[in-house]
All heavy atoms as atom14 arrays in JSON, in Angstrom:
{
  "sequence": "STAPDDELWFPEATDTATTREAIATCLGCPVLLLCRQAAAEEERGDG",
  "atom14_mask": [
    [1, 1, 1, 1, 1, 1, 0, 0, 0, 0, 0, 0, 0, 0],
    [1, 1, 1, 1, 1, 1, 1, 0, 0, 0, 0, 0, 0, 0],
    [1, 1, 1, 1, 1, 0, 0, 0, 0, 0, 0, 0, 0, 0],
    [1, 1, 1, 1, 1, 1, 1, 0, 0, 0, 0, 0, 0, 0],
    [1, 1, 1, 1, 1, 1, 1, 1, 0, 0, 0, 0, 0, 0],
    [1, 1, 1, 1, 1, 1, 1, 1, 0, 0, 0, 0, 0, 0],
    [1, 1, 1, 1, 1, 1, 1, 1, 1, 0, 0, 0, 0, 0],
    [1, 1, 1, 1, 1, 1, 1, 1, 0, 0, 0, 0, 0, 0],
    [1, 1, 1, 1, 1, 1, 1, 1, 1, 1, 1, 1, 1, 1],
    [1, 1, 1, 1, 1, 1, 1, 1, 1, 1, 1, 0, 0, 0],
    [1, 1, 1, 1, 1, 1, 1, 0, 0, 0, 0, 0, 0, 0],
    [1, 1, 1, 1, 1, 1, 1, 1, 1, 0, 0, 0, 0, 0],
    [1, 1, 1, 1, 1, 0, 0, 0, 0, 0, 0, 0, 0, 0],
    [1, 1, 1, 1, 1, 1, 1, 0, 0, 0, 0, 0, 0, 0],
    [1, 1, 1, 1, 1, 1, 1, 1, 0, 0, 0, 0, 0, 0],
    [1, 1, 1, 1, 1, 1, 1, 0, 0, 0, 0, 0, 0, 0],
    [1, 1, 1, 1, 1, 0, 0, 0, 0, 0, 0, 0, 0, 0],
    [1, 1, 1, 1, 1, 1, 1, 0, 0, 0, 0, 0, 0, 0],
    [1, 1, 1, 1, 1, 1, 1, 0, 0, 0, 0, 0, 0, 0],
    [1, 1, 1, 1, 1, 1, 1, 1, 1, 1, 1, 0, 0, 0],
    [1, 1, 1, 1, 1, 1, 1, 1, 1, 0, 0, 0, 0, 0],
    [1, 1, 1, 1, 1, 0, 0, 0, 0, 0, 0, 0, 0, 0],
    [1, 1, 1, 1, 1, 1, 1, 1, 0, 0, 0, 0, 0, 0],
    [1, 1, 1, 1, 1, 0, 0, 0, 0, 0, 0, 0, 0, 0],
    [1, 1, 1, 1, 1, 1, 1, 0, 0, 0, 0, 0, 0, 0],
    [1, 1, 1, 1, 1, 1, 0, 0, 0, 0, 0, 0, 0, 0],
    [1, 1, 1, 1, 1, 1, 1, 1, 0, 0, 0, 0, 0, 0],
    [1, 1, 1, 1, 0, 0, 0, 0, 0, 0, 0, 0, 0, 0],
    [1, 1, 1, 1, 1, 1, 0, 0, 0, 0, 0, 0, 0, 0],
    [1, 1, 1, 1, 1, 1, 1, 0, 0, 0, 0, 0, 0, 0],
    [1, 1, 1, 1, 1, 1, 1, 0, 0, 0, 0, 0, 0, 0],
    [1, 1, 1, 1, 1, 1, 1, 1, 0, 0, 0, 0, 0, 0],
    [1, 1, 1, 1, 1, 1, 1, 1, 0, 0, 0, 0, 0, 0],
    [1, 1, 1, 1, 1, 1, 1, 1, 0, 0, 0, 0, 0, 0],
    [1, 1, 1, 1, 1, 1, 0, 0, 0, 0, 0, 0, 0, 0],
    [1, 1, 1, 1, 1, 1, 1, 1, 1, 1, 1, 0, 0, 0],
    [1, 1, 1, 1, 1, 1, 1, 1, 1, 0, 0, 0, 0, 0],
    [1, 1, 1, 1, 1, 0, 0, 0, 0, 0, 0, 0, 0, 0],
    [1, 1, 1, 1, 1, 0, 0, 0, 0, 0, 0, 0, 0, 0],
    [1, 1, 1, 1, 1, 0, 0, 0, 0, 0, 0, 0, 0, 0],
    [1, 1, 1, 1, 1, 1, 1, 1, 1, 0, 0, 0, 0, 0],
    [1, 1, 1, 1, 1, 1, 1, 1, 1, 0, 0, 0, 0, 0],
    [1, 1, 1, 1, 1, 1, 1, 1, 1, 0, 0, 0, 0, 0],
    [1, 1, 1, 1, 1, 1, 1, 1, 1, 1, 1, 0, 0, 0],
    [1, 1, 1, 1, 0, 0, 0, 0, 0, 0, 0, 0, 0, 0],
    [1, 1, 1, 1, 1, 1, 1, 1, 0, 0, 0, 0, 0, 0],
    [1, 1, 1, 1, 0, 0, 0, 0, 0, 0, 0, 0, 0, 0]
  ],
  "atom14_positions": [
    [[98.97, 92.51, 111.95], [99.08, 91.8, 110.66], [97.99, 90.73, 110.53], [97.69, 90.31, 109.4], [100.46, 91.14, 110.49], [100.61, 90.13, 111.46], [0.0, 0.0, 0.0], [0.0, 0.0, 0.0], [0.0, 0.0, 0.0], [0.0, 0.0, 0.0], [0.0, 0.0, 0.0], [0.0, 0.0, 0.0], [0.0, 0.0, 0.0], [0.0, 0.0, 0.0]],
    [[97.41, 90.29, 111.64], [96.37, 89.27, 111.55], [94.98, 89.81, 111.86], [94.03, 89.05, 111.85], [96.67, 88.14, 112.57], [96.74, 88.67, 113.88], [97.99, 87.47, 112.24], [0.0, 0.0, 0.0], [0.0, 0.0, 0.0], [0.0, 0.0, 0.0], [0.0, 0.0, 0.0], [0.0, 0.0, 0.0], [0.0, 0.0, 0.0], [0.0, 0.0, 0.0]],
    [[94.9, 91.11, 112.17], [93.6, 91.71, 112.47], [92.74, 91.79, 111.19], [93.24, 92.13, 110.12], [93.79, 93.13, 113.02], [0.0, 0.0, 0.0], [0.0, 0.0, 0.0], [0.0, 0.0, 0.0], [0.0, 0.0, 0.0], [0.0, 0.0, 0.0], [0.0, 0.0, 0.0], [0.0, 0.0, 0.0], [0.0, 0.0, 0.0], [0.0, 0.0, 0.0]],
    [[91.48, 91.44, 111.3], [90.62, 91.4, 110.14], [90.19, 92.8, 109.68], [89.81, 93.0, 108.49], [89.36, 90.6, 110.57], [89.34, 90.84, 112.04], [90.77, 90.91, 112.51], [0.0, 0.0, 0.0], [0.0, 0.0, 0.0], [0.0, 0.0, 0.0], [0.0, 0.0, 0.0], [0.0, 0.0, 0.0], [0.0, 0.0, 0.0], [0.0, 0.0, 0.0]],
    [[90.28, 93.79, 110.56], [89.79, 95.14, 110.21], [90.95, 96.16, 110.32], [91.42, 96.48, 111.41], [88.69, 95.53, 111.17], [88.07, 96.86, 110.81], [88.26, 97.32, 109.67], [87.35, 97.41, 111.71], [0.0, 0.0, 0.0], [0.0, 0.0, 0.0], [0.0, 0.0, 0.0], [0.0, 0.0, 0.0], [0.0, 0.0, 0.0], [0.0, 0.0, 0.0]],
    [[91.45, 96.65, 109.18], [92.5, 97.68, 109.17], [92.0, 99.03, 109.67], [92.8, 99.89, 110.05], [93.06, 97.83, 107.77], [94.0, 96.7, 107.4], [94.48, 96.01, 108.31], [94.31, 96.54, 106.2], [0.0, 0.0, 0.0], [0.0, 0.0, 0.0], [0.0, 0.0, 0.0], [0.0, 0.0, 0.0], [0.0, 0.0, 0.0], [0.0, 0.0, 0.0]],
    [[90.66, 99.24, 109.65], [90.14, 100.51, 110.11], [90.41, 100.76, 111.64], [90.42, 101.89, 112.04], [88.61, 100.54, 109.88], [88.23, 100.5, 108.43], [88.75, 101.73, 107.65], [88.59, 102.84, 108.24], [89.21, 101.56, 106.54], [0.0, 0.0, 0.0], [0.0, 0.0, 0.0], [0.0, 0.0, 0.0], [0.0, 0.0, 0.0], [0.0, 0.0, 0.0]],
    [[90.66, 99.71, 112.33], [90.93, 99.83, 113.76], [92.2, 100.68, 114.01], [92.22, 101.44, 114.93], [91.12, 98.46, 114.41], [91.5, 98.42, 115.91], [90.35, 98.95, 116.75], [91.85, 97.02, 116.33], [0.0, 0.0, 0.0], [0.0, 0.0, 0.0], [0.0, 0.0, 0.0], [0.0, 0.0, 0.0], [0.0, 0.0, 0.0], [0.0, 0.0, 0.0]],
    [[93.19, 100.58, 113.11], [94.48, 101.27, 113.32], [94.46, 102.69, 112.8], [95.37, 103.44, 113.03], [95.59, 100.52, 112.64], [95.49, 99.02, 112.93], [95.24, 97.97, 112.1], [95.64, 98.39, 114.19], [95.21, 96.84, 112.73], [95.41, 97.01, 114.07], [95.87, 98.91, 115.5], [95.47, 96.16, 115.11], [95.92, 98.0, 116.55], [95.71, 96.66, 116.38]],
    [[93.37, 103.09, 112.13], [93.28, 104.45, 111.56], [91.98, 105.09, 111.96], [91.14, 105.45, 111.13], [93.43, 104.43, 110.06], [94.76, 103.86, 109.63], [94.89, 102.54, 109.22], [95.85, 104.67, 109.61], [96.1, 102.05, 108.84], [97.1, 104.2, 109.22], [97.22, 102.84, 108.85], [0.0, 0.0, 0.0], [0.0, 0.0, 0.0], [0.0, 0.0, 0.0]],
    [[91.73, 105.29, 113.3], [90.45, 105.87, 113.73], [90.44, 107.39, 113.49], [91.51, 108.02, 113.32], [90.45, 105.59, 115.21], [91.93, 105.54, 115.6], [92.62, 104.95, 114.4], [0.0, 0.0, 0.0], [0.0, 0.0, 0.0], [0.0, 0.0, 0.0], [0.0, 0.0, 0.0], [0.0, 0.0, 0.0], [0.0, 0.0, 0.0], [0.0, 0.0, 0.0]],
    [[89.21, 107.91, 113.39], [89.08, 109.35, 113.3], [89.6, 110.01, 114.57], [89.61, 109.34, 115.64], [87.59, 109.71, 113.1], [87.01, 109.23, 111.79], [87.62, 109.9, 110.6], [87.97, 111.13, 110.71], [87.79, 109.19, 109.56], [0.0, 0.0, 0.0], [0.0, 0.0, 0.0], [0.0, 0.0, 0.0], [0.0, 0.0, 0.0], [0.0, 0.0, 0.0]],
    [[90.07, 111.2, 114.45], [90.66, 111.9, 115.63], [89.66, 112.01, 116.76], [90.02, 112.04, 117.94], [91.21, 113.26, 115.22], [0.0, 0.0, 0.0], [0.0, 0.0, 0.0], [0.0, 0.0, 0.0], [0.0, 0.0, 0.0], [0.0, 0.0, 0.0], [0.0, 0.0, 0.0], [0.0, 0.0, 0.0], [0.0, 0.0, 0.0], [0.0, 0.0, 0.0]],
    [[88.36, 112.06, 116.48], [87.37, 112.24, 117.53], [86.84, 110.95, 118.03], [86.08, 110.95, 118.99], [86.2, 113.1, 116.96], [85.7, 112.44, 115.8], [86.66, 114.49, 116.57], [0.0, 0.0, 0.0], [0.0, 0.0, 0.0], [0.0, 0.0, 0.0], [0.0, 0.0, 0.0], [0.0, 0.0, 0.0], [0.0, 0.0, 0.0], [0.0, 0.0, 0.0]],
    [[87.25, 109.82, 117.49], [86.73, 108.5, 117.87], [87.6, 107.96, 118.94], [88.48, 107.11, 118.72], [86.67, 107.61, 116.66], [85.96, 106.28, 116.96], [85.52, 106.07, 118.07], [85.84, 105.45, 115.98], [0.0, 0.0, 0.0], [0.0, 0.0, 0.0], [0.0, 0.0, 0.0], [0.0, 0.0, 0.0], [0.0, 0.0, 0.0], [0.0, 0.0, 0.0]],
    [[87.35, 108.37, 120.21], [88.21, 107.92, 121.28], [88.04, 106.45, 121.64], [88.97, 105.82, 122.06], [88.01, 108.77, 122.55], [86.6, 108.7, 122.93], [88.39, 110.19, 122.34], [0.0, 0.0, 0.0], [0.0, 0.0, 0.0], [0.0, 0.0, 0.0], [0.0, 0.0, 0.0], [0.0, 0.0, 0.0], [0.0, 0.0, 0.0], [0.0, 0.0, 0.0]],
    [[86.83, 105.92, 121.44], [86.63, 104.51, 121.79], [87.47, 103.58, 120.88], [88.11, 102.64, 121.4], [85.12, 104.14, 121.65], [0.0, 0.0, 0.0], [0.0, 0.0, 0.0], [0.0, 0.0, 0.0], [0.0, 0.0, 0.0], [0.0, 0.0, 0.0], [0.0, 0.0, 0.0], [0.0, 0.0, 0.0], [0.0, 0.0, 0.0], [0.0, 0.0, 0.0]],
    [[87.5, 103.88, 119.58], [88.28, 103.04, 118.7], [89.75, 103.27, 118.91], [90.55, 102.31, 118.83], [87.95, 103.43, 117.19], [86.54, 103.25, 117.0], [88.64, 102.49, 116.22], [0.0, 0.0, 0.0], [0.0, 0.0, 0.0], [0.0, 0.0, 0.0], [0.0, 0.0, 0.0], [0.0, 0.0, 0.0], [0.0, 0.0, 0.0], [0.0, 0.0, 0.0]],
    [[90.15, 104.47, 119.2], [91.56, 104.76, 119.54], [92.01, 103.96, 120.72], [93.07, 103.33, 120.73], [91.77, 106.24, 119.81], [91.4, 106.98, 118.63], [93.22, 106.57, 120.1], [0.0, 0.0, 0.0], [0.0, 0.0, 0.0], [0.0, 0.0, 0.0], [0.0, 0.0, 0.0], [0.0, 0.0, 0.0], [0.0, 0.0, 0.0], [0.0, 0.0, 0.0]],
    [[91.18, 103.98, 121.78], [91.53, 103.2, 123.0], [91.58, 101.71, 122.73], [92.46, 101.0, 123.25], [90.56, 103.49, 124.09], [90.74, 104.84, 124.69], [89.77, 105.14, 125.81], [90.06, 106.42, 126.41], [89.25, 107.09, 127.13], [88.05, 106.62, 127.4], [89.57, 108.28, 127.59], [0.0, 0.0, 0.0], [0.0, 0.0, 0.0], [0.0, 0.0, 0.0]],
    [[90.67, 101.21, 121.86], [90.66, 99.8, 121.54], [91.96, 99.42, 120.8], [92.54, 98.39, 121.05], [89.42, 99.45, 120.69], [89.34, 98.0, 120.31], [88.16, 97.72, 119.41], [87.28, 98.61, 119.19], [88.07, 96.6, 118.91], [0.0, 0.0, 0.0], [0.0, 0.0, 0.0], [0.0, 0.0, 0.0], [0.0, 0.0, 0.0], [0.0, 0.0, 0.0]],
    [[92.31, 100.27, 119.83], [93.56, 99.99, 119.1], [94.8, 100.05, 119.99], [95.64, 99.15, 119.86], [93.67, 101.01, 117.97], [0.0, 0.0, 0.0], [0.0, 0.0, 0.0], [0.0, 0.0, 0.0], [0.0, 0.0, 0.0], [0.0, 0.0, 0.0], [0.0, 0.0, 0.0], [0.0, 0.0, 0.0], [0.0, 0.0, 0.0], [0.0, 0.0, 0.0]],
    [[94.85, 100.98, 120.85], [96.0, 101.09, 121.77], [96.03, 99.9, 122.69], [97.11, 99.28, 122.97], [95.94, 102.41, 122.58], [96.24, 103.56, 121.64], [96.95, 102.4, 123.76], [96.03, 104.92, 122.26], [0.0, 0.0, 0.0], [0.0, 0.0, 0.0], [0.0, 0.0, 0.0], [0.0, 0.0, 0.0], [0.0, 0.0, 0.0], [0.0, 0.0, 0.0]],
    [[94.92, 99.53, 123.25], [94.82, 98.32, 124.11], [95.27, 97.05, 123.36], [95.99, 96.23, 123.93], [93.44, 98.16, 124.69], [0.0, 0.0, 0.0], [0.0, 0.0, 0.0], [0.0, 0.0, 0.0], [0.0, 0.0, 0.0], [0.0, 0.0, 0.0], [0.0, 0.0, 0.0], [0.0, 0.0, 0.0], [0.0, 0.0, 0.0], [0.0, 0.0, 0.0]],
    [[94.93, 96.95, 122.14], [95.32, 95.81, 121.3], [96.83, 95.88, 121.09], [97.5, 94.78, 121.2], [94.6, 95.81, 119.96], [93.18, 95.8, 120.19], [94.93, 94.6, 119.14], [0.0, 0.0, 0.0], [0.0, 0.0, 0.0], [0.0, 0.0, 0.0], [0.0, 0.0, 0.0], [0.0, 0.0, 0.0], [0.0, 0.0, 0.0], [0.0, 0.0, 0.0]],
    [[97.36, 97.01, 120.76], [98.79, 97.15, 120.58], [99.62, 96.79, 121.8], [100.69, 96.18, 121.69], [99.14, 98.6, 120.2], [98.83, 99.01, 118.45], [0.0, 0.0, 0.0], [0.0, 0.0, 0.0], [0.0, 0.0, 0.0], [0.0, 0.0, 0.0], [0.0, 0.0, 0.0], [0.0, 0.0, 0.0], [0.0, 0.0, 0.0], [0.0, 0.0, 0.0]],
    [[99.12, 97.15, 122.98], [99.85, 96.91, 124.19], [100.05, 95.4, 124.47], [100.99, 95.04, 125.24], [99.21, 97.59, 125.41], [99.2, 99.12, 125.31], [98.53, 99.73, 126.51], [100.66, 99.62, 125.23], [0.0, 0.0, 0.0], [0.0, 0.0, 0.0], [0.0, 0.0, 0.0], [0.0, 0.0, 0.0], [0.0, 0.0, 0.0], [0.0, 0.0, 0.0]],
    [[99.26, 94.53, 123.87], [99.44, 93.12, 124.03], [100.28, 92.5, 122.91], [100.37, 91.28, 122.88], [0.0, 0.0, 0.0], [0.0, 0.0, 0.0], [0.0, 0.0, 0.0], [0.0, 0.0, 0.0], [0.0, 0.0, 0.0], [0.0, 0.0, 0.0], [0.0, 0.0, 0.0], [0.0, 0.0, 0.0], [0.0, 0.0, 0.0], [0.0, 0.0, 0.0]],
    [[100.83, 93.29, 122.05], [101.59, 92.79, 120.9], [102.98, 92.35, 121.27], [103.64, 93.05, 122.02], [101.63, 93.87, 119.81], [102.4, 93.32, 118.27], [0.0, 0.0, 0.0], [0.0, 0.0, 0.0], [0.0, 0.0, 0.0], [0.0, 0.0, 0.0], [0.0, 0.0, 0.0], [0.0, 0.0, 0.0], [0.0, 0.0, 0.0], [0.0, 0.0, 0.0]],
    [[103.46, 91.24, 120.79], [104.8, 90.78, 121.15], [105.95, 91.64, 120.49], [107.06, 91.59, 120.93], [104.83, 89.38, 120.59], [103.82, 89.26, 119.54], [102.77, 90.29, 119.93], [0.0, 0.0, 0.0], [0.0, 0.0, 0.0], [0.0, 0.0, 0.0], [0.0, 0.0, 0.0], [0.0, 0.0, 0.0], [0.0, 0.0, 0.0], [0.0, 0.0, 0.0]],
    [[105.66, 92.4, 119.45], [106.65, 93.22, 118.78], [106.4, 94.7, 118.98], [106.77, 95.55, 118.13], [106.75, 92.83, 117.29], [107.34, 91.47, 117.13], [105.46, 92.97, 116.62], [0.0, 0.0, 0.0], [0.0, 0.0, 0.0], [0.0, 0.0, 0.0], [0.0, 0.0, 0.0], [0.0, 0.0, 0.0], [0.0, 0.0, 0.0], [0.0, 0.0, 0.0]],
    [[105.8, 95.05, 120.08], [105.43, 96.45, 120.36], [106.65, 97.39, 120.29], [106.56, 98.42, 119.59], [104.79, 96.56, 121.75], [104.44, 97.99, 122.24], [103.35, 98.56, 121.43], [104.14, 97.98, 123.74], [0.0, 0.0, 0.0], [0.0, 0.0, 0.0], [0.0, 0.0, 0.0], [0.0, 0.0, 0.0], [0.0, 0.0, 0.0], [0.0, 0.0, 0.0]],
    [[107.74, 97.07, 120.89], [108.91, 97.96, 120.95], [109.56, 98.05, 119.58], [109.98, 99.16, 119.15], [109.88, 97.51, 121.96], [109.41, 97.52, 123.41], [110.5, 97.06, 124.39], [108.95, 98.93, 123.8], [0.0, 0.0, 0.0], [0.0, 0.0, 0.0], [0.0, 0.0, 0.0], [0.0, 0.0, 0.0], [0.0, 0.0, 0.0], [0.0, 0.0, 0.0]],
    [[109.56, 96.98, 118.8], [110.09, 97.06, 117.42], [109.23, 97.96, 116.55], [109.72, 98.71, 115.74], [110.16, 95.68, 116.83], [111.19, 94.72, 117.43], [111.05, 93.31, 116.87], [112.6, 95.23, 117.12], [0.0, 0.0, 0.0], [0.0, 0.0, 0.0], [0.0, 0.0, 0.0], [0.0, 0.0, 0.0], [0.0, 0.0, 0.0], [0.0, 0.0, 0.0]],
    [[107.91, 97.9, 116.78], [106.96, 98.73, 116.04], [107.24, 100.17, 116.35], [107.23, 101.09, 115.49], [105.55, 98.31, 116.33], [104.34, 99.21, 115.34], [0.0, 0.0, 0.0], [0.0, 0.0, 0.0], [0.0, 0.0, 0.0], [0.0, 0.0, 0.0], [0.0, 0.0, 0.0], [0.0, 0.0, 0.0], [0.0, 0.0, 0.0], [0.0, 0.0, 0.0]],
    [[107.34, 100.5, 117.64], [107.63, 101.91, 118.07], [108.89, 102.41, 117.49], [109.01, 103.56, 117.01], [107.68, 101.98, 119.58], [106.33, 102.0, 120.26], [106.44, 102.26, 121.72], [105.12, 102.16, 122.31], [104.9, 102.19, 123.6], [105.86, 102.34, 124.46], [103.65, 102.12, 124.06], [0.0, 0.0, 0.0], [0.0, 0.0, 0.0], [0.0, 0.0, 0.0]],
    [[109.95, 101.55, 117.48], [111.21, 101.97, 116.94], [111.15, 102.22, 115.45], [111.66, 103.23, 114.96], [112.27, 100.89, 117.24], [113.65, 101.24, 116.77], [114.66, 100.11, 117.11], [114.29, 99.06, 117.53], [115.89, 100.42, 116.8], [0.0, 0.0, 0.0], [0.0, 0.0, 0.0], [0.0, 0.0, 0.0], [0.0, 0.0, 0.0], [0.0, 0.0, 0.0]],
    [[110.46, 101.35, 114.73], [110.28, 101.57, 113.32], [109.49, 102.82, 112.99], [109.84, 103.59, 112.07], [109.56, 100.33, 112.67], [0.0, 0.0, 0.0], [0.0, 0.0, 0.0], [0.0, 0.0, 0.0], [0.0, 0.0, 0.0], [0.0, 0.0, 0.0], [0.0, 0.0, 0.0], [0.0, 0.0, 0.0], [0.0, 0.0, 0.0], [0.0, 0.0, 0.0]],
    [[108.45, 103.07, 113.77], [107.63, 104.29, 113.57], [108.53, 105.53, 113.84], [108.47, 106.49, 113.1], [106.43, 104.31, 114.54], [0.0, 0.0, 0.0], [0.0, 0.0, 0.0], [0.0, 0.0, 0.0], [0.0, 0.0, 0.0], [0.0, 0.0, 0.0], [0.0, 0.0, 0.0], [0.0, 0.0, 0.0], [0.0, 0.0, 0.0], [0.0, 0.0, 0.0]],
    [[109.33, 105.48, 114.87], [110.18, 106.62, 115.2], [111.19, 106.86, 114.1], [111.45, 108.04, 113.72], [110.93, 106.33, 116.49], [0.0, 0.0, 0.0], [0.0, 0.0, 0.0], [0.0, 0.0, 0.0], [0.0, 0.0, 0.0], [0.0, 0.0, 0.0], [0.0, 0.0, 0.0], [0.0, 0.0, 0.0], [0.0, 0.0, 0.0], [0.0, 0.0, 0.0]],
    [[111.74, 105.81, 113.52], [112.72, 105.97, 112.43], [112.1, 106.51, 111.16], [112.6, 107.36, 110.48], [113.47, 104.65, 112.18], [114.39, 104.24, 113.26], [114.93, 102.87, 113.13], [114.62, 102.16, 112.1], [115.61, 102.35, 114.0], [0.0, 0.0, 0.0], [0.0, 0.0, 0.0], [0.0, 0.0, 0.0], [0.0, 0.0, 0.0], [0.0, 0.0, 0.0]],
    [[110.91, 105.97, 110.84], [110.25, 106.39, 109.61], [109.7, 107.81, 109.69], [109.61, 108.51, 108.69], [109.07, 105.44, 109.29], [109.56, 104.04, 108.86], [108.44, 103.03, 108.85], [107.26, 103.45, 108.79], [108.7, 101.81, 108.88], [0.0, 0.0, 0.0], [0.0, 0.0, 0.0], [0.0, 0.0, 0.0], [0.0, 0.0, 0.0], [0.0, 0.0, 0.0]],
    [[109.25, 108.25, 110.92], [108.63, 109.54, 111.05], [109.55, 110.61, 111.59], [109.09, 111.72, 111.94], [107.39, 109.44, 111.93], [106.3, 108.52, 111.41], [105.2, 108.31, 112.36], [105.38, 108.51, 113.58], [104.09, 107.98, 111.89], [0.0, 0.0, 0.0], [0.0, 0.0, 0.0], [0.0, 0.0, 0.0], [0.0, 0.0, 0.0], [0.0, 0.0, 0.0]],
    [[110.8, 110.3, 111.7], [111.78, 111.22, 112.38], [111.69, 112.62, 111.77], [111.85, 112.85, 110.61], [113.19, 110.71, 112.23], [114.23, 111.57, 112.83], [115.59, 110.99, 112.89], [115.54, 109.91, 113.84], [116.07, 108.7, 113.65], [116.63, 108.39, 112.51], [116.0, 107.78, 114.6], [0.0, 0.0, 0.0], [0.0, 0.0, 0.0], [0.0, 0.0, 0.0]],
    [[111.38, 113.58, 112.64], [111.36, 114.99, 112.25], [110.05, 115.45, 111.57], [109.91, 116.6, 111.29], [0.0, 0.0, 0.0], [0.0, 0.0, 0.0], [0.0, 0.0, 0.0], [0.0, 0.0, 0.0], [0.0, 0.0, 0.0], [0.0, 0.0, 0.0], [0.0, 0.0, 0.0], [0.0, 0.0, 0.0], [0.0, 0.0, 0.0], [0.0, 0.0, 0.0]],
    [[109.14, 114.54, 111.28], [107.88, 114.91, 110.63], [107.0, 115.6, 111.63], [107.07, 115.41, 112.8], [107.16, 113.65, 110.14], [107.86, 112.98, 108.99], [108.79, 113.61, 108.4], [107.49, 111.83, 108.61], [0.0, 0.0, 0.0], [0.0, 0.0, 0.0], [0.0, 0.0, 0.0], [0.0, 0.0, 0.0], [0.0, 0.0, 0.0], [0.0, 0.0, 0.0]],
    [[106.11, 116.43, 111.13], [105.15, 117.16, 111.94], [103.98, 116.28, 112.28], [103.83, 115.18, 111.81], [0.0, 0.0, 0.0], [0.0, 0.0, 0.0], [0.0, 0.0, 0.0], [0.0, 0.0, 0.0], [0.0, 0.0, 0.0], [0.0, 0.0, 0.0], [0.0, 0.0, 0.0], [0.0, 0.0, 0.0], [0.0, 0.0, 0.0], [0.0, 0.0, 0.0]]
  ]
}
């Protein structure tokens, strides 16, 4: 919510460097588990 660049969270599928950077940033987040839970609820059963 405080990151200046929203593009970090939506990397291209082939851009592994940006994907790793986003994941590393997420792992330091204080609400990581709440975010995972919300994503699981919102995407339940989606392909």
